[in-house]
Amino acid sequence: GPAHTAGDTLVFVPDARTVYTGDILFIGGTPIVWAGPLDNWIAACDLICSSDVEHIVPGHGPLTDKAGVTAIRDYLAYVQDEATERFNGGMDAWDAARDIALNGFAEWGEFGRLAVNVDTVYRTLSGAHKSPDVVEQFRRMYAMEQKAQ
């Protein structure tokens, strides 16, 4: 199902114990969740980790192992939990993105993508079935990256 985008696909090659993940995995960088919901992406990570695979080929970054998949899953679960807490507290998505501390995840680079990821959580929680305002999301990512410099 949709996660990064509406067309996410995993390709398993059982004889080679290999999975091609496409844009489900961003190794060495922050994933960006345009479509969501995050639950789908987390489920895809769980599926990869529960599979009999030795070789994991991400859409972004170097070959990885199940620890790399788990790190992406942990980031997504953290963002979902933190954004949900702020949504339930009445904070808007942009304020929430600026309020969430990324801790070690900030070292991945492109951490401004948090703005898009939080917006996706908010769209999911509100039941809004609309596409994100891409121009506004890029503005927010840029603003977050500039503030950190």
N, C-alpha and C. Protein backbone atom coordinates (compact mmCIF):
# COMPACT_ATOMS: atom_id res chain seq x y z
N GLY A 1 0.80 -1.19 0.00
CA GLY A 1 0.00 0.00 0.00
C GLY A 1 0.85 1.25 0.00
N PRO A 2 0.21 2.38 -0.06
CA PRO A 2 0.98 3.62 -0.09
C PRO A 2 1.75 3.86 1.20
N ALA A 3 2.93 4.41 1.05
CA ALA A 3 3.77 4.80 2.18
C ALA A 3 4.53 6.06 1.76
N HIS A 4 5.69 5.86 1.11
CA HIS A 4 6.43 7.01 0.56
C HIS A 4 5.57 7.68 -0.51
N THR A 5 5.08 6.89 -1.45
CA THR A 5 4.15 7.35 -2.48
C THR A 5 3.07 6.29 -2.64
N ALA A 6 2.11 6.55 -3.51
CA ALA A 6 1.01 5.62 -3.72
C ALA A 6 1.44 4.34 -4.42
N GLY A 7 2.60 4.33 -5.06
CA GLY A 7 3.02 3.18 -5.85
C GLY A 7 4.14 2.36 -5.26
N ASP A 8 4.30 2.36 -3.95
CA ASP A 8 5.40 1.61 -3.33
C ASP A 8 5.26 0.11 -3.57
N THR A 9 6.40 -0.51 -3.86
CA THR A 9 6.44 -1.94 -4.13
C THR A 9 7.71 -2.54 -3.55
N LEU A 10 7.59 -3.72 -2.97
CA LEU A 10 8.75 -4.51 -2.55
C LEU A 10 8.88 -5.68 -3.51
N VAL A 11 10.10 -6.01 -3.90
CA VAL A 11 10.33 -7.15 -4.78
C VAL A 11 11.24 -8.13 -4.05
N PHE A 12 10.70 -9.31 -3.75
CA PHE A 12 11.47 -10.36 -3.08
C PHE A 12 11.98 -11.35 -4.13
N VAL A 13 13.25 -11.74 -3.98
CA VAL A 13 13.85 -12.78 -4.82
C VAL A 13 14.28 -13.88 -3.84
N PRO A 14 13.37 -14.83 -3.57
CA PRO A 14 13.62 -15.83 -2.52
C PRO A 14 14.90 -16.64 -2.72
N ASP A 15 15.18 -17.09 -3.94
CA ASP A 15 16.37 -17.91 -4.17
C ASP A 15 17.66 -17.17 -3.84
N ALA A 16 17.65 -15.86 -3.99
CA ALA A 16 18.84 -15.04 -3.71
C ALA A 16 18.77 -14.41 -2.31
N ARG A 17 17.67 -14.70 -1.59
CA ARG A 17 17.45 -14.12 -0.26
C ARG A 17 17.66 -12.60 -0.30
N THR A 18 17.04 -11.98 -1.30
CA THR A 18 17.22 -10.55 -1.56
C THR A 18 15.86 -9.87 -1.67
N VAL A 19 15.79 -8.65 -1.17
CA VAL A 19 14.61 -7.82 -1.36
C VAL A 19 15.06 -6.46 -1.89
N TYR A 20 14.35 -6.01 -2.91
CA TYR A 20 14.53 -4.67 -3.46
C TYR A 20 13.40 -3.82 -2.89
N THR A 21 13.75 -2.78 -2.16
CA THR A 21 12.74 -2.04 -1.41
C THR A 21 12.24 -0.78 -2.09
N GLY A 22 12.87 -0.37 -3.17
CA GLY A 22 12.49 0.92 -3.74
C GLY A 22 12.60 2.00 -2.68
N ASP A 23 11.70 2.95 -2.71
CA ASP A 23 11.80 4.09 -1.80
C ASP A 23 11.25 3.83 -0.40
N ILE A 24 11.04 2.58 -0.05
CA ILE A 24 10.69 2.26 1.33
C ILE A 24 11.88 2.50 2.25
N LEU A 25 13.09 2.35 1.72
CA LEU A 25 14.28 2.55 2.56
C LEU A 25 15.14 3.70 2.06
N PHE A 26 15.45 4.59 2.98
CA PHE A 26 16.38 5.70 2.78
C PHE A 26 17.51 5.46 3.79
N ILE A 27 18.57 4.83 3.38
CA ILE A 27 19.67 4.52 4.30
C ILE A 27 20.66 5.67 4.28
N GLY A 28 20.93 6.23 5.46
CA GLY A 28 21.85 7.35 5.56
C GLY A 28 21.18 8.70 5.35
N GLY A 29 19.88 8.71 5.23
CA GLY A 29 19.13 9.96 5.06
C GLY A 29 17.74 9.81 5.64
N THR A 30 17.08 10.92 5.85
CA THR A 30 15.75 10.92 6.44
C THR A 30 14.70 10.56 5.38
N PRO A 31 13.85 9.59 5.67
CA PRO A 31 12.78 9.27 4.72
C PRO A 31 11.76 10.40 4.66
N ILE A 32 11.05 10.46 3.55
CA ILE A 32 10.00 11.48 3.39
C ILE A 32 8.70 10.77 3.00
N VAL A 33 7.67 11.02 3.78
CA VAL A 33 6.40 10.31 3.64
C VAL A 33 5.40 11.22 2.93
N TRP A 34 5.36 11.14 1.61
CA TRP A 34 4.43 11.97 0.85
C TRP A 34 3.01 11.43 0.93
N ALA A 35 2.84 10.12 0.83
CA ALA A 35 1.50 9.54 0.74
C ALA A 35 0.99 9.07 2.10
N GLY A 36 1.76 8.21 2.76
CA GLY A 36 1.32 7.66 4.02
C GLY A 36 0.15 6.71 3.83
N PRO A 37 -0.40 6.23 4.91
CA PRO A 37 -0.07 6.56 6.28
C PRO A 37 1.24 5.91 6.75
N LEU A 38 1.78 6.44 7.83
CA LEU A 38 3.03 5.89 8.35
C LEU A 38 2.87 4.43 8.76
N ASP A 39 1.67 4.04 9.18
CA ASP A 39 1.43 2.63 9.55
C ASP A 39 1.80 1.69 8.40
N ASN A 40 1.51 2.09 7.17
CA ASN A 40 1.85 1.24 6.03
C ASN A 40 3.36 1.08 5.89
N TRP A 41 4.09 2.16 6.08
CA TRP A 41 5.54 2.11 5.95
C TRP A 41 6.13 1.26 7.07
N ILE A 42 5.62 1.45 8.28
CA ILE A 42 6.08 0.64 9.42
C ILE A 42 5.80 -0.84 9.16
N ALA A 43 4.63 -1.15 8.63
CA ALA A 43 4.28 -2.54 8.30
C ALA A 43 5.22 -3.10 7.24
N ALA A 44 5.59 -2.29 6.26
CA ALA A 44 6.53 -2.74 5.22
C ALA A 44 7.89 -3.06 5.85
N CYS A 45 8.34 -2.23 6.76
CA CYS A 45 9.60 -2.50 7.46
C CYS A 45 9.51 -3.79 8.27
N ASP A 46 8.38 -3.98 8.95
CA ASP A 46 8.18 -5.22 9.72
C ASP A 46 8.19 -6.44 8.81
N LEU A 47 7.58 -6.32 7.64
CA LEU A 47 7.56 -7.43 6.68
C LEU A 47 8.97 -7.78 6.24
N ILE A 48 9.76 -6.78 5.92
CA ILE A 48 11.15 -7.03 5.50
C ILE A 48 11.91 -7.72 6.62
N CYS A 49 11.77 -7.22 7.84
CA CYS A 49 12.52 -7.78 8.97
C CYS A 49 12.09 -9.20 9.31
N SER A 50 10.84 -9.54 9.02
CA SER A 50 10.36 -10.89 9.33
C SER A 50 10.62 -11.88 8.19
N SER A 51 11.15 -11.39 7.10
CA SER A 51 11.40 -12.24 5.92
C SER A 51 12.78 -12.87 5.97
N ASP A 52 12.90 -13.98 5.28
CA ASP A 52 14.19 -14.69 5.20
C ASP A 52 15.03 -14.05 4.10
N VAL A 53 15.58 -12.87 4.41
CA VAL A 53 16.41 -12.16 3.44
C VAL A 53 17.78 -11.88 4.05
N GLU A 54 18.76 -11.90 3.20
CA GLU A 54 20.12 -11.58 3.62
C GLU A 54 20.59 -10.27 2.98
N HIS A 55 20.08 -9.98 1.79
CA HIS A 55 20.50 -8.81 1.03
C HIS A 55 19.32 -7.85 0.90
N ILE A 56 19.52 -6.62 1.34
CA ILE A 56 18.45 -5.62 1.28
C ILE A 56 18.96 -4.45 0.46
N VAL A 57 18.28 -4.21 -0.67
CA VAL A 57 18.69 -3.17 -1.61
C VAL A 57 17.71 -2.00 -1.47
N PRO A 58 18.16 -0.90 -0.86
CA PRO A 58 17.27 0.25 -0.66
C PRO A 58 17.12 1.10 -1.92
N GLY A 59 16.12 1.93 -1.93
CA GLY A 59 15.96 2.89 -3.02
C GLY A 59 16.94 4.04 -2.90
N HIS A 60 17.36 4.33 -1.67
CA HIS A 60 18.30 5.41 -1.41
C HIS A 60 19.37 4.90 -0.45
N GLY A 61 20.62 5.12 -0.78
CA GLY A 61 21.71 4.75 0.10
C GLY A 61 22.29 3.39 -0.22
N PRO A 62 23.28 2.98 0.59
CA PRO A 62 23.98 1.72 0.33
C PRO A 62 23.16 0.50 0.74
N LEU A 63 23.62 -0.67 0.29
CA LEU A 63 23.01 -1.92 0.74
C LEU A 63 22.95 -1.91 2.25
N THR A 64 21.94 -2.59 2.80
CA THR A 64 21.79 -2.56 4.24
C THR A 64 21.40 -3.94 4.75
N ASP A 65 21.22 -4.02 6.05
CA ASP A 65 20.78 -5.24 6.70
C ASP A 65 19.51 -4.92 7.49
N LYS A 66 19.05 -5.88 8.27
CA LYS A 66 17.81 -5.67 9.01
C LYS A 66 17.94 -4.58 10.06
N ALA A 67 19.16 -4.33 10.55
CA ALA A 67 19.36 -3.23 11.50
C ALA A 67 19.06 -1.89 10.83
N GLY A 68 19.43 -1.75 9.56
CA GLY A 68 19.13 -0.53 8.82
C GLY A 68 17.63 -0.34 8.64
N VAL A 69 16.93 -1.44 8.38
CA VAL A 69 15.47 -1.40 8.24
C VAL A 69 14.84 -1.01 9.57
N THR A 70 15.34 -1.59 10.65
CA THR A 70 14.81 -1.29 11.98
C THR A 70 15.01 0.17 12.34
N ALA A 71 16.13 0.76 11.94
CA ALA A 71 16.37 2.17 12.22
C ALA A 71 15.33 3.05 11.52
N ILE A 72 15.01 2.73 10.27
CA ILE A 72 13.97 3.49 9.55
C ILE A 72 12.63 3.31 10.25
N ARG A 73 12.32 2.08 10.62
CA ARG A 73 11.07 1.80 11.32
C ARG A 73 10.98 2.59 12.62
N ASP A 74 12.09 2.62 13.37
CA ASP A 74 12.11 3.34 14.64
C ASP A 74 11.87 4.84 14.44
N TYR A 75 12.47 5.40 13.40
CA TYR A 75 12.25 6.82 13.09
C TYR A 75 10.77 7.06 12.80
N LEU A 76 10.19 6.25 11.94
CA LEU A 76 8.79 6.44 11.56
C LEU A 76 7.86 6.30 12.76
N ALA A 77 8.10 5.31 13.60
CA ALA A 77 7.27 5.11 14.79
C ALA A 77 7.42 6.30 15.75
N TYR A 78 8.64 6.79 15.89
CA TYR A 78 8.88 7.95 16.76
C TYR A 78 8.12 9.17 16.24
N VAL A 79 8.25 9.45 14.96
CA VAL A 79 7.55 10.61 14.37
C VAL A 79 6.05 10.45 14.53
N GLN A 80 5.54 9.26 14.27
CA GLN A 80 4.10 9.05 14.40
C GLN A 80 3.63 9.29 15.84
N ASP A 81 4.36 8.74 16.80
CA ASP A 81 3.98 8.92 18.21
C ASP A 81 4.04 10.39 18.63
N GLU A 82 5.14 11.05 18.28
CA GLU A 82 5.32 12.45 18.68
C GLU A 82 4.29 13.36 18.00
N ALA A 83 4.05 13.14 16.72
CA ALA A 83 3.08 13.96 15.99
C ALA A 83 1.66 13.71 16.51
N THR A 84 1.34 12.46 16.79
CA THR A 84 0.00 12.13 17.30
C THR A 84 -0.25 12.81 18.65
N GLU A 85 0.76 12.81 19.50
CA GLU A 85 0.63 13.47 20.80
C GLU A 85 0.32 14.96 20.62
N ARG A 86 1.00 15.60 19.70
CA ARG A 86 0.79 17.03 19.47
C ARG A 86 -0.55 17.29 18.76
N PHE A 87 -0.94 16.42 17.86
CA PHE A 87 -2.25 16.53 17.20
C PHE A 87 -3.35 16.46 18.24
N ASN A 88 -3.26 15.48 19.13
CA ASN A 88 -4.27 15.31 20.17
C ASN A 88 -4.28 16.48 21.15
N GLY A 89 -3.15 17.17 21.27
CA GLY A 89 -3.06 18.34 22.14
C GLY A 89 -3.49 19.64 21.46
N GLY A 90 -3.88 19.57 20.18
CA GLY A 90 -4.38 20.74 19.49
C GLY A 90 -3.33 21.59 18.79
N MET A 91 -2.09 21.13 18.74
CA MET A 91 -1.03 21.89 18.07
C MET A 91 -1.15 21.69 16.56
N ASP A 92 -0.90 22.75 15.78
CA ASP A 92 -0.96 22.57 14.32
C ASP A 92 0.31 21.86 13.83
N ALA A 93 0.23 21.35 12.61
CA ALA A 93 1.30 20.49 12.08
C ALA A 93 2.64 21.20 11.98
N TRP A 94 2.64 22.45 11.55
CA TRP A 94 3.90 23.18 11.39
C TRP A 94 4.54 23.43 12.75
N ASP A 95 3.75 23.83 13.74
CA ASP A 95 4.30 24.02 15.08
C ASP A 95 4.80 22.69 15.64
N ALA A 96 4.06 21.62 15.38
CA ALA A 96 4.48 20.30 15.86
C ALA A 96 5.82 19.89 15.26
N ALA A 97 5.98 20.10 13.97
CA ALA A 97 7.25 19.73 13.31
C ALA A 97 8.42 20.48 13.93
N ARG A 98 8.21 21.74 14.25
CA ARG A 98 9.29 22.54 14.85
C ARG A 98 9.50 22.19 16.32
N ASP A 99 8.52 21.55 16.94
CA ASP A 99 8.59 21.23 18.36
C ASP A 99 9.22 19.86 18.64
N ILE A 100 9.18 18.97 17.68
CA ILE A 100 9.66 17.60 17.89
C ILE A 100 11.19 17.58 17.86
N ALA A 101 11.77 17.05 18.92
CA ALA A 101 13.23 16.89 18.99
C ALA A 101 13.60 15.58 18.29
N LEU A 102 14.48 15.66 17.32
CA LEU A 102 14.85 14.45 16.57
C LEU A 102 15.97 13.64 17.21
N ASN A 103 16.60 14.21 18.21
CA ASN A 103 17.68 13.50 18.90
C ASN A 103 18.67 12.94 17.89
N GLY A 104 19.02 11.68 17.96
CA GLY A 104 20.00 11.09 17.06
C GLY A 104 19.56 11.04 15.61
N PHE A 105 18.26 11.08 15.36
CA PHE A 105 17.76 11.04 13.98
C PHE A 105 18.17 12.29 13.20
N ALA A 106 18.45 13.39 13.87
CA ALA A 106 18.84 14.63 13.19
C ALA A 106 20.17 14.46 12.46
N GLU A 107 20.97 13.51 12.89
CA GLU A 107 22.28 13.27 12.27
C GLU A 107 22.16 12.63 10.89
N TRP A 108 21.00 12.15 10.53
CA TRP A 108 20.82 11.49 9.24
C TRP A 108 20.90 12.46 8.07
N GLY A 109 20.72 13.71 8.31
CA GLY A 109 20.68 14.67 7.21
C GLY A 109 19.28 14.81 6.66
N GLU A 110 19.04 15.92 6.02
CA GLU A 110 17.73 16.21 5.44
C GLU A 110 16.61 16.09 6.47
N PHE A 111 16.94 16.47 7.71
CA PHE A 111 15.97 16.32 8.80
C PHE A 111 14.76 17.23 8.64
N GLY A 112 14.86 18.24 7.76
CA GLY A 112 13.71 19.11 7.50
C GLY A 112 12.52 18.36 6.92
N ARG A 113 12.78 17.16 6.43
CA ARG A 113 11.68 16.33 5.93
C ARG A 113 10.67 16.00 7.02
N LEU A 114 11.06 16.22 8.26
CA LEU A 114 10.14 16.02 9.37
C LEU A 114 8.86 16.83 9.15
N ALA A 115 8.97 18.01 8.55
CA ALA A 115 7.78 18.84 8.30
C ALA A 115 6.76 18.10 7.44
N VAL A 116 7.22 17.43 6.40
CA VAL A 116 6.33 16.67 5.52
C VAL A 116 5.78 15.46 6.27
N ASN A 117 6.65 14.78 7.02
CA ASN A 117 6.23 13.57 7.72
C ASN A 117 5.17 13.88 8.78
N VAL A 118 5.34 14.98 9.50
CA VAL A 118 4.34 15.37 10.49
C VAL A 118 3.03 15.76 9.79
N ASP A 119 3.13 16.49 8.69
CA ASP A 119 1.93 16.86 7.94
C ASP A 119 1.17 15.62 7.48
N THR A 120 1.89 14.59 7.07
CA THR A 120 1.25 13.35 6.64
C THR A 120 0.53 12.68 7.81
N VAL A 121 1.15 12.66 8.98
CA VAL A 121 0.48 12.11 10.16
C VAL A 121 -0.80 12.90 10.44
N TYR A 122 -0.71 14.21 10.39
CA TYR A 122 -1.88 15.05 10.65
C TYR A 122 -2.99 14.81 9.63
N ARG A 123 -2.64 14.70 8.36
CA ARG A 123 -3.65 14.43 7.33
C ARG A 123 -4.33 13.09 7.59
N THR A 124 -3.55 12.10 8.01
CA THR A 124 -4.11 10.78 8.31
C THR A 124 -5.05 10.85 9.51
N LEU A 125 -4.60 11.49 10.59
CA LEU A 125 -5.41 11.55 11.81
C LEU A 125 -6.69 12.36 11.62
N SER A 126 -6.64 13.37 10.77
CA SER A 126 -7.82 14.21 10.56
C SER A 126 -8.79 13.60 9.55
N GLY A 127 -8.35 12.53 8.87
CA GLY A 127 -9.19 11.92 7.86
C GLY A 127 -9.20 12.69 6.55
N ALA A 128 -8.29 13.64 6.41
CA ALA A 128 -8.22 14.44 5.18
C ALA A 128 -7.65 13.58 4.06
N HIS A 129 -8.42 13.42 3.03
CA HIS A 129 -7.98 12.63 1.87
C HIS A 129 -7.58 13.59 0.76
N LYS A 130 -6.56 14.37 1.05
CA LYS A 130 -6.09 15.33 0.06
C LYS A 130 -4.58 15.21 -0.05
N SER A 131 -4.09 15.65 -1.17
CA SER A 131 -2.65 15.64 -1.39
C SER A 131 -2.02 16.79 -0.61
N PRO A 132 -0.76 16.63 -0.23
CA PRO A 132 -0.10 17.73 0.48
C PRO A 132 0.14 18.91 -0.45
N ASP A 133 0.23 20.10 0.12
CA ASP A 133 0.62 21.29 -0.63
C ASP A 133 2.14 21.21 -0.79
N VAL A 134 2.59 20.69 -1.92
CA VAL A 134 4.00 20.38 -2.12
C VAL A 134 4.88 21.62 -2.01
N VAL A 135 4.45 22.73 -2.57
CA VAL A 135 5.25 23.95 -2.50
C VAL A 135 5.41 24.39 -1.05
N GLU A 136 4.32 24.37 -0.29
CA GLU A 136 4.39 24.75 1.12
C GLU A 136 5.28 23.78 1.89
N GLN A 137 5.21 22.50 1.58
CA GLN A 137 6.04 21.53 2.30
C GLN A 137 7.53 21.75 2.02
N PHE A 138 7.87 22.09 0.78
CA PHE A 138 9.27 22.39 0.48
C PHE A 138 9.72 23.66 1.21
N ARG A 139 8.84 24.64 1.32
CA ARG A 139 9.17 25.85 2.06
C ARG A 139 9.46 25.53 3.52
N ARG A 140 8.63 24.67 4.10
CA ARG A 140 8.82 24.30 5.50
C ARG A 140 10.10 23.50 5.70
N MET A 141 10.38 22.57 4.80
CA MET A 141 11.63 21.81 4.92
C MET A 141 12.83 22.75 4.88
N TYR A 142 12.80 23.69 3.95
CA TYR A 142 13.90 24.65 3.81
C TYR A 142 14.03 25.48 5.09
N ALA A 143 12.92 25.96 5.62
CA ALA A 143 12.95 26.78 6.84
C ALA A 143 13.54 26.00 8.00
N MET A 144 13.18 24.74 8.14
CA MET A 144 13.73 23.93 9.24
C MET A 144 15.23 23.73 9.08
N GLU A 145 15.66 23.48 7.87
CA GLU A 145 17.09 23.26 7.62
C GLU A 145 17.88 24.55 7.87
N GLN A 146 17.33 25.69 7.47
CA GLN A 146 18.03 26.97 7.66
C GLN A 146 18.12 27.35 9.12
N LYS A 147 17.07 27.07 9.88
CA LYS A 147 17.06 27.41 11.31
C LYS A 147 18.17 26.68 12.05
N ALA A 148 18.48 25.49 11.61
CA ALA A 148 19.48 24.66 12.29
C ALA A 148 20.91 25.11 11.99
N GLN A 149 21.08 25.93 10.97
CA GLN A 149 22.45 26.33 10.59
C GLN A 149 22.95 27.47 11.41
